[in-house]
């Protein structure tokens, strides 16, 4: 289970990779995986790419933590 701190670290470490896939916004939110609440990284795309991983891995002390990644389709915010 990933904490909010883990999810923010994953967002920071993997943001360049997610932007290279076409993400225009990256957030951290509470998500459900396998019926359990955990924190995850939310990547917003105009059009989701074909291959988006389901998790992002980060090193925490002596172990690796997997943080859920959710890809959502959302249009870019535009000022009126």
C-alpha atoms as a PDB file:
ATOM      1  CA  UNK A   1       0.000   0.000   0.000  1.00  0.00           C
ATOM      2  CA  UNK A   2       1.384   3.392  -1.002  1.00  0.00           C
ATOM      3  CA  UNK A   3       1.200   6.410   1.260  1.00  0.00           C
ATOM      4  CA  UNK A   4       0.632   9.963   0.078  1.00  0.00           C
ATOM      5  CA  UNK A   5       4.354  10.580   0.537  1.00  0.00           C
ATOM      6  CA  UNK A   6       5.183   7.606  -1.721  1.00  0.00           C
ATOM      7  CA  UNK A   7       2.745   8.840  -4.382  1.00  0.00           C
ATOM      8  CA  UNK A   8       4.200  12.367  -4.342  1.00  0.00           C
ATOM      9  CA  UNK A   9       7.714  10.970  -4.663  1.00  0.00           C
ATOM     10  CA  UNK A  10       6.639   8.769  -7.594  1.00  0.00           C
ATOM     11  CA  UNK A  11       5.010  11.791  -9.222  1.00  0.00           C
ATOM     12  CA  UNK A  12       8.195  13.793  -8.836  1.00  0.00           C
ATOM     13  CA  UNK A  13      10.516  11.028 -10.089  1.00  0.00           C
ATOM     14  CA  UNK A  14       8.379   9.870 -13.032  1.00  0.00           C
ATOM     15  CA  UNK A  15       6.858  13.156 -14.237  1.00  0.00           C
ATOM     16  CA  UNK A  16       9.261  13.500 -17.192  1.00  0.00           C
ATOM     17  CA  UNK A  17       8.393   9.958 -18.323  1.00  0.00           C
ATOM     18  CA  UNK A  18       4.646  10.607 -18.036  1.00  0.00           C
ATOM     19  CA  UNK A  19       4.973  13.887 -19.954  1.00  0.00           C
ATOM     20  CA  UNK A  20       6.866  12.021 -22.696  1.00  0.00           C
ATOM     21  CA  UNK A  21       3.811   9.752 -22.994  1.00  0.00           C
ATOM     22  CA  UNK A  22       1.655  12.859 -23.508  1.00  0.00           C
ATOM     23  CA  UNK A  23       0.309  13.625 -20.028  1.00  0.00           C
ATOM     24  CA  UNK A  24      -0.646  17.287 -19.689  1.00  0.00           C
ATOM     25  CA  UNK A  25      -1.316  17.128 -15.929  1.00  0.00           C
ATOM     26  CA  UNK A  26      -0.141  14.836 -13.147  1.00  0.00           C
ATOM     27  CA  UNK A  27      -1.795  14.654  -9.722  1.00  0.00           C
ATOM     28  CA  UNK A  28      -1.861  12.551  -6.564  1.00  0.00           C
ATOM     29  CA  UNK A  29      -5.196  11.264  -5.251  1.00  0.00           C
ATOM     30  CA  UNK A  30      -6.620   8.518  -3.103  1.00  0.00           C
ATOM     31  CA  UNK A  31      -7.577   5.542  -5.303  1.00  0.00           C
ATOM     32  CA  UNK A  32      -8.938   2.021  -4.823  1.00  0.00           C
ATOM     33  CA  UNK A  33      -6.953  -1.013  -5.875  1.00  0.00           C
ATOM     34  CA  UNK A  34      -8.222  -4.514  -5.155  1.00  0.00           C
ATOM     35  CA  UNK A  35     -10.887  -3.053  -2.876  1.00  0.00           C
ATOM     36  CA  UNK A  36      -8.364  -1.234  -0.685  1.00  0.00           C
ATOM     37  CA  UNK A  37      -7.745   2.487  -0.424  1.00  0.00           C
ATOM     38  CA  UNK A  38      -4.285   3.701  -1.283  1.00  0.00           C
ATOM     39  CA  UNK A  39      -2.688   6.756  -2.831  1.00  0.00           C
ATOM     40  CA  UNK A  40      -1.816   6.814  -6.508  1.00  0.00           C
ATOM     41  CA  UNK A  41      -0.568   9.005  -9.332  1.00  0.00           C
ATOM     42  CA  UNK A  42      -3.215  10.289 -11.749  1.00  0.00           C
ATOM     43  CA  UNK A  43      -2.007  11.178 -15.264  1.00  0.00           C
ATOM     44  CA  UNK A  44      -4.371  13.188 -17.475  1.00  0.00           C
ATOM     45  CA  UNK A  45      -4.145  12.760 -21.250  1.00  0.00           C
ATOM     46  CA  UNK A  46      -5.919  14.315 -24.231  1.00  0.00           C
ATOM     47  CA  UNK A  47      -5.820  10.846 -25.796  1.00  0.00           C
ATOM     48  CA  UNK A  48      -4.440   8.013 -23.640  1.00  0.00           C
ATOM     49  CA  UNK A  49      -1.412   6.340 -25.228  1.00  0.00           C
ATOM     50  CA  UNK A  50      -1.487   2.653 -26.072  1.00  0.00           C
ATOM     51  CA  UNK A  51       0.860   1.469 -23.342  1.00  0.00           C
ATOM     52  CA  UNK A  52       0.613   3.035 -19.902  1.00  0.00           C
ATOM     53  CA  UNK A  53       2.006   1.101 -16.939  1.00  0.00           C
ATOM     54  CA  UNK A  54      -0.376   0.256 -14.089  1.00  0.00           C
ATOM     55  CA  UNK A  55       2.236   1.072 -11.431  1.00  0.00           C
ATOM     56  CA  UNK A  56       5.298   3.238 -10.864  1.00  0.00           C
ATOM     57  CA  UNK A  57       8.182   1.892  -8.773  1.00  0.00           C
ATOM     58  CA  UNK A  58      10.186   3.938  -6.289  1.00  0.00           C
ATOM     59  CA  UNK A  59      12.986   2.979  -3.911  1.00  0.00           C
ATOM     60  CA  UNK A  60      12.213   3.675  -0.263  1.00  0.00           C
ATOM     61  CA  UNK A  61      15.108   2.970   2.110  1.00  0.00           C
ATOM     62  CA  UNK A  62      15.861  -0.725   1.457  1.00  0.00           C
ATOM     63  CA  UNK A  63      12.707  -1.755  -0.370  1.00  0.00           C
ATOM     64  CA  UNK A  64      10.855  -0.962  -3.558  1.00  0.00           C
ATOM     65  CA  UNK A  65       7.333   0.459  -3.300  1.00  0.00           C
ATOM     66  CA  UNK A  66       4.893   0.232  -6.212  1.00  0.00           C
ATOM     67  CA  UNK A  67       2.526   3.167  -6.548  1.00  0.00           C
ATOM     68  CA  UNK A  68      -0.664   2.767  -8.625  1.00  0.00           C
ATOM     69  CA  UNK A  69      -0.870   4.813 -11.815  1.00  0.00           C
ATOM     70  CA  UNK A  70      -4.261   5.775 -13.244  1.00  0.00           C
ATOM     71  CA  UNK A  71      -4.531   7.193 -16.780  1.00  0.00           C
ATOM     72  CA  UNK A  72      -7.567   9.374 -17.401  1.00  0.00           C
ATOM     73  CA  UNK A  73      -8.792  11.153 -20.484  1.00  0.00           C
ATOM     74  CA  UNK A  74      -9.421  14.851 -19.857  1.00  0.00           C
ATOM     75  CA  UNK A  75      -9.210  17.924 -22.035  1.00  0.00           C
ATOM     76  CA  UNK A  76      -6.692  20.607 -21.198  1.00  0.00           C
ATOM     77  CA  UNK A  77      -7.927  23.508 -19.136  1.00  0.00           C
ATOM     78  CA  UNK A  78      -8.537  26.636 -21.196  1.00  0.00           C
ATOM     79  CA  UNK A  79      -9.098  30.148 -19.927  1.00  0.00           C
ATOM     80  CA  UNK A  80     -12.188  31.893 -21.293  1.00  0.00           C
END
